[in-house]
């Protein structure tokens, strides 16, 4: 089963990169990381929900110490900044706490 998943991932990656390079040639744009991210979003491969979730999580990590480690102040600021409900921000943070942390390659 793991080999099938790996094969599928490898094929998806190869097809996506090939499609991206074709897109860049067609539109005469540079193939770089920023344009690749835009391409993935435009193609619907990265959802608005994931963009919002990841952005709010990162912003929370940066803003929380500035708000004197006060969660409620930080949540209120993020809700206002991104025009979402406080409940949405709390839910996103709750999801983060329940997930296994990503391992850095650094």
N, C-alpha and C. Protein backbone atom coordinates (compact mmCIF):
# COMPACT_ATOMS: atom_id res chain seq x y z
N UNK A 1 0.82 -1.19 0.00
CA UNK A 1 0.00 0.00 0.00
C UNK A 1 0.87 1.26 0.00
N UNK A 2 1.92 1.26 0.81
CA UNK A 2 2.80 2.43 0.88
C UNK A 2 3.49 2.67 -0.46
N UNK A 3 3.85 1.59 -1.17
CA UNK A 3 4.49 1.76 -2.48
C UNK A 3 3.52 2.37 -3.48
N UNK A 4 2.25 1.99 -3.40
CA UNK A 4 1.24 2.56 -4.29
C UNK A 4 1.10 4.05 -4.02
N UNK A 5 1.06 4.44 -2.76
CA UNK A 5 0.96 5.86 -2.41
C UNK A 5 2.17 6.63 -2.89
N UNK A 6 3.35 6.06 -2.73
CA UNK A 6 4.59 6.71 -3.16
C UNK A 6 4.58 6.86 -4.68
N UNK A 7 4.15 5.82 -5.39
CA UNK A 7 4.08 5.87 -6.85
C UNK A 7 3.10 6.96 -7.29
N UNK A 8 1.95 7.01 -6.64
CA UNK A 8 0.95 8.02 -6.95
C UNK A 8 1.49 9.42 -6.70
N UNK A 9 2.15 9.62 -5.58
CA UNK A 9 2.73 10.92 -5.25
C UNK A 9 3.80 11.32 -6.27
N UNK A 10 4.65 10.37 -6.63
CA UNK A 10 5.69 10.65 -7.62
C UNK A 10 5.08 11.06 -8.96
N UNK A 11 4.04 10.37 -9.39
CA UNK A 11 3.38 10.69 -10.66
C UNK A 11 2.70 12.06 -10.58
N UNK A 12 2.01 12.32 -9.48
CA UNK A 12 1.36 13.62 -9.29
C UNK A 12 2.38 14.73 -9.36
N UNK A 13 3.50 14.55 -8.68
CA UNK A 13 4.55 15.57 -8.68
C UNK A 13 5.09 15.79 -10.08
N UNK A 14 5.39 14.72 -10.79
CA UNK A 14 5.94 14.85 -12.14
C UNK A 14 4.95 15.54 -13.08
N UNK A 15 3.69 15.15 -13.02
CA UNK A 15 2.69 15.76 -13.89
C UNK A 15 2.45 17.23 -13.55
N UNK A 16 2.46 17.54 -12.27
CA UNK A 16 2.24 18.93 -11.85
C UNK A 16 3.39 19.82 -12.31
N UNK A 17 4.60 19.36 -12.13
CA UNK A 17 5.77 20.14 -12.55
C UNK A 17 5.78 20.31 -14.07
N UNK A 18 5.49 19.24 -14.79
CA UNK A 18 5.44 19.32 -16.25
C UNK A 18 4.37 20.32 -16.70
N UNK A 19 3.21 20.25 -16.08
CA UNK A 19 2.12 21.16 -16.41
C UNK A 19 2.49 22.61 -16.09
N UNK A 20 3.17 22.80 -14.96
CA UNK A 20 3.60 24.14 -14.56
C UNK A 20 4.59 24.72 -15.57
N UNK A 21 5.55 23.92 -15.99
CA UNK A 21 6.54 24.40 -16.97
C UNK A 21 5.87 24.74 -18.30
N UNK A 22 4.90 23.92 -18.72
CA UNK A 22 4.14 24.23 -19.94
C UNK A 22 3.39 25.55 -19.78
N UNK A 23 2.79 25.74 -18.61
CA UNK A 23 2.06 26.98 -18.31
C UNK A 23 3.00 28.19 -18.39
N UNK A 24 4.18 28.06 -17.81
CA UNK A 24 5.15 29.16 -17.83
C UNK A 24 5.58 29.50 -19.25
N UNK A 25 5.84 28.48 -20.05
CA UNK A 25 6.23 28.72 -21.44
C UNK A 25 5.10 29.40 -22.21
N UNK A 26 3.90 28.91 -22.03
CA UNK A 26 2.74 29.45 -22.74
C UNK A 26 2.51 30.91 -22.41
N UNK A 27 2.70 31.27 -21.14
CA UNK A 27 2.44 32.63 -20.69
C UNK A 27 3.70 33.48 -20.57
N UNK A 28 4.82 32.92 -20.99
CA UNK A 28 6.10 33.62 -20.98
C UNK A 28 6.40 34.22 -19.60
N UNK A 29 6.31 33.39 -18.57
CA UNK A 29 6.66 33.82 -17.22
C UNK A 29 7.79 32.95 -16.68
N UNK A 30 8.51 33.51 -15.74
CA UNK A 30 9.63 32.80 -15.14
C UNK A 30 9.12 31.69 -14.23
N UNK A 31 9.75 30.54 -14.32
CA UNK A 31 9.41 29.41 -13.44
C UNK A 31 10.18 29.59 -12.13
N UNK A 32 9.49 30.15 -11.14
CA UNK A 32 10.12 30.32 -9.83
C UNK A 32 9.12 29.92 -8.74
N UNK A 33 9.56 29.95 -7.51
CA UNK A 33 8.73 29.48 -6.41
C UNK A 33 7.47 30.31 -6.22
N UNK A 34 7.59 31.63 -6.32
CA UNK A 34 6.42 32.49 -6.15
C UNK A 34 5.38 32.22 -7.23
N UNK A 35 5.82 32.11 -8.47
CA UNK A 35 4.88 31.82 -9.56
C UNK A 35 4.29 30.41 -9.42
N UNK A 36 5.08 29.48 -8.90
CA UNK A 36 4.58 28.12 -8.70
C UNK A 36 3.46 28.10 -7.67
N UNK A 37 3.63 28.85 -6.58
CA UNK A 37 2.59 28.92 -5.56
C UNK A 37 1.31 29.51 -6.16
N UNK A 38 1.44 30.56 -6.93
CA UNK A 38 0.28 31.17 -7.59
C UNK A 38 -0.39 30.17 -8.52
N UNK A 39 0.41 29.42 -9.25
CA UNK A 39 -0.11 28.40 -10.16
C UNK A 39 -0.91 27.34 -9.39
N UNK A 40 -0.36 26.85 -8.28
CA UNK A 40 -1.06 25.84 -7.50
C UNK A 40 -2.39 26.35 -6.97
N UNK A 41 -2.40 27.60 -6.52
CA UNK A 41 -3.64 28.20 -6.01
C UNK A 41 -4.64 28.38 -7.15
N UNK A 42 -4.17 28.91 -8.28
CA UNK A 42 -5.06 29.13 -9.43
C UNK A 42 -5.64 27.82 -9.96
N UNK A 43 -4.89 26.75 -9.86
CA UNK A 43 -5.35 25.45 -10.35
C UNK A 43 -6.24 24.73 -9.33
N UNK A 44 -6.42 25.34 -8.17
CA UNK A 44 -7.27 24.75 -7.14
C UNK A 44 -6.60 23.64 -6.36
N UNK A 45 -5.29 23.55 -6.44
CA UNK A 45 -4.56 22.50 -5.71
C UNK A 45 -4.31 22.89 -4.26
N UNK A 46 -4.40 24.18 -3.97
CA UNK A 46 -4.31 24.68 -2.59
C UNK A 46 -5.59 25.48 -2.37
N UNK A 47 -6.39 25.04 -1.41
CA UNK A 47 -7.69 25.66 -1.19
C UNK A 47 -7.58 26.95 -0.38
N UNK A 48 -8.63 27.76 -0.49
CA UNK A 48 -8.71 28.99 0.30
C UNK A 48 -8.68 28.65 1.79
N UNK A 49 -9.32 27.54 2.15
CA UNK A 49 -9.35 27.11 3.55
C UNK A 49 -7.94 26.83 4.08
N UNK A 50 -7.13 26.16 3.29
CA UNK A 50 -5.75 25.87 3.70
C UNK A 50 -4.92 27.15 3.79
N UNK A 51 -5.14 28.05 2.86
CA UNK A 51 -4.42 29.33 2.89
C UNK A 51 -4.76 30.07 4.18
N UNK A 52 -6.05 30.16 4.48
CA UNK A 52 -6.50 30.86 5.69
C UNK A 52 -5.96 30.18 6.94
N UNK A 53 -6.10 28.86 7.01
CA UNK A 53 -5.67 28.10 8.18
C UNK A 53 -4.17 28.29 8.45
N UNK A 54 -3.37 28.10 7.43
CA UNK A 54 -1.92 28.20 7.61
C UNK A 54 -1.47 29.63 7.91
N UNK A 55 -2.11 30.60 7.27
CA UNK A 55 -1.75 32.00 7.51
C UNK A 55 -2.08 32.40 8.94
N UNK A 56 -3.28 32.05 9.40
CA UNK A 56 -3.68 32.40 10.76
C UNK A 56 -2.78 31.73 11.78
N UNK A 57 -2.42 30.49 11.55
CA UNK A 57 -1.52 29.80 12.49
C UNK A 57 -0.16 30.49 12.59
N UNK A 58 0.40 30.83 11.44
CA UNK A 58 1.71 31.50 11.44
C UNK A 58 1.63 32.89 12.05
N UNK A 59 0.58 33.63 11.73
CA UNK A 59 0.39 34.95 12.30
C UNK A 59 0.23 34.87 13.81
N UNK A 60 -0.49 33.86 14.28
CA UNK A 60 -0.66 33.69 15.72
C UNK A 60 0.70 33.49 16.38
N UNK A 61 1.52 32.62 15.81
CA UNK A 61 2.85 32.35 16.39
C UNK A 61 3.70 33.60 16.47
N UNK A 62 3.56 34.49 15.48
CA UNK A 62 4.34 35.72 15.50
C UNK A 62 3.74 36.78 16.42
N UNK A 63 2.42 36.85 16.46
CA UNK A 63 1.73 37.91 17.20
C UNK A 63 1.58 37.62 18.69
N UNK A 64 1.45 36.35 19.04
CA UNK A 64 1.19 35.97 20.43
C UNK A 64 2.20 36.57 21.42
N UNK A 65 3.50 36.49 21.19
CA UNK A 65 4.44 37.11 22.13
C UNK A 65 4.28 38.64 22.20
N UNK A 66 3.93 39.27 21.09
CA UNK A 66 3.76 40.72 21.07
C UNK A 66 2.54 41.16 21.89
N UNK A 67 1.58 40.28 22.03
CA UNK A 67 0.38 40.58 22.81
C UNK A 67 0.54 40.10 24.25
N UNK A 68 1.80 40.05 24.68
CA UNK A 68 2.15 39.67 26.05
C UNK A 68 1.62 38.28 26.40
N UNK A 69 1.68 37.38 25.41
CA UNK A 69 1.25 35.99 25.60
C UNK A 69 -0.18 35.91 26.13
N UNK A 70 -1.03 36.73 25.57
CA UNK A 70 -2.45 36.74 25.93
C UNK A 70 -3.23 36.24 24.72
N UNK A 71 -3.75 35.00 24.82
CA UNK A 71 -4.41 34.36 23.68
C UNK A 71 -5.63 35.14 23.19
N UNK A 72 -6.47 35.59 24.11
CA UNK A 72 -7.69 36.26 23.70
C UNK A 72 -7.40 37.53 22.91
N UNK A 73 -6.43 38.33 23.36
CA UNK A 73 -6.05 39.54 22.62
C UNK A 73 -5.55 39.17 21.22
N UNK A 74 -4.76 38.13 21.16
CA UNK A 74 -4.20 37.71 19.88
C UNK A 74 -5.30 37.22 18.94
N UNK A 75 -6.24 36.43 19.45
CA UNK A 75 -7.35 35.93 18.64
C UNK A 75 -8.20 37.09 18.14
N UNK A 76 -8.50 38.04 18.99
CA UNK A 76 -9.29 39.21 18.57
C UNK A 76 -8.60 39.98 17.46
N UNK A 77 -7.30 40.16 17.59
CA UNK A 77 -6.53 40.87 16.57
C UNK A 77 -6.57 40.12 15.24
N UNK A 78 -6.38 38.81 15.29
CA UNK A 78 -6.39 38.02 14.05
C UNK A 78 -7.77 37.99 13.41
N UNK A 79 -8.81 37.89 14.21
CA UNK A 79 -10.17 37.89 13.67
C UNK A 79 -10.45 39.19 12.92
N UNK A 80 -10.03 40.27 13.50
CA UNK A 80 -10.22 41.57 12.86
C UNK A 80 -9.33 41.71 11.62
N UNK A 81 -8.09 41.31 11.74
CA UNK A 81 -7.13 41.45 10.65
C UNK A 81 -7.56 40.68 9.40
N UNK A 82 -8.11 39.47 9.60
CA UNK A 82 -8.44 38.60 8.46
C UNK A 82 -9.95 38.52 8.20
N UNK A 83 -10.71 39.37 8.90
CA UNK A 83 -12.16 39.43 8.70
C UNK A 83 -12.82 38.05 8.82
N UNK A 84 -12.50 37.37 9.89
CA UNK A 84 -13.12 36.08 10.22
C UNK A 84 -13.64 36.17 11.65
N UNK A 85 -14.48 35.23 12.01
CA UNK A 85 -15.02 35.27 13.37
C UNK A 85 -13.97 34.81 14.37
N UNK A 86 -14.14 35.27 15.60
CA UNK A 86 -13.25 34.82 16.68
C UNK A 86 -13.32 33.30 16.81
N UNK A 87 -14.53 32.78 16.69
CA UNK A 87 -14.72 31.33 16.80
C UNK A 87 -13.89 30.58 15.75
N UNK A 88 -13.84 31.11 14.53
CA UNK A 88 -13.03 30.49 13.47
C UNK A 88 -11.56 30.45 13.86
N UNK A 89 -11.08 31.55 14.39
CA UNK A 89 -9.67 31.60 14.81
C UNK A 89 -9.43 30.58 15.92
N UNK A 90 -10.32 30.55 16.92
CA UNK A 90 -10.16 29.57 18.01
C UNK A 90 -10.16 28.14 17.46
N UNK A 91 -11.05 27.85 16.52
CA UNK A 91 -11.11 26.50 15.94
C UNK A 91 -9.84 26.15 15.19
N UNK A 92 -9.31 27.09 14.46
CA UNK A 92 -8.05 26.85 13.73
C UNK A 92 -6.93 26.57 14.72
N UNK A 93 -6.86 27.33 15.80
CA UNK A 93 -5.82 27.11 16.80
C UNK A 93 -6.02 25.79 17.52
N UNK A 94 -7.26 25.41 17.75
CA UNK A 94 -7.55 24.14 18.40
C UNK A 94 -7.09 22.98 17.50
N UNK A 95 -7.36 23.08 16.20
CA UNK A 95 -6.91 22.06 15.25
C UNK A 95 -5.39 21.92 15.30
N UNK A 96 -4.72 23.06 15.39
CA UNK A 96 -3.25 23.05 15.43
C UNK A 96 -2.74 22.30 16.65
N UNK A 97 -3.38 22.52 17.80
CA UNK A 97 -2.97 21.85 19.03
C UNK A 97 -3.15 20.34 18.94
N UNK A 98 -4.14 19.90 18.17
CA UNK A 98 -4.43 18.47 18.05
C UNK A 98 -3.60 17.76 16.99
N UNK A 99 -2.89 18.52 16.19
CA UNK A 99 -2.06 17.93 15.14
C UNK A 99 -0.66 17.68 15.63
N UNK A 100 -0.04 16.71 15.00
CA UNK A 100 1.37 16.44 15.29
C UNK A 100 2.19 17.53 14.65
N UNK A 101 3.16 18.10 15.38
CA UNK A 101 3.97 19.17 14.80
C UNK A 101 4.77 18.70 13.59
N UNK A 102 4.92 19.62 12.63
CA UNK A 102 5.73 19.32 11.45
C UNK A 102 7.20 19.29 11.84
N UNK A 103 7.92 18.38 11.27
CA UNK A 103 9.34 18.27 11.54
C UNK A 103 10.11 19.12 10.55
N UNK A 104 11.00 19.93 11.07
CA UNK A 104 11.80 20.80 10.23
C UNK A 104 13.03 20.07 9.75
N UNK A 105 13.47 20.39 8.54
CA UNK A 105 14.69 19.80 7.98
C UNK A 105 15.91 20.63 8.32
N UNK A 106 15.72 21.66 9.16
CA UNK A 106 16.83 22.56 9.48
C UNK A 106 17.78 21.93 10.45
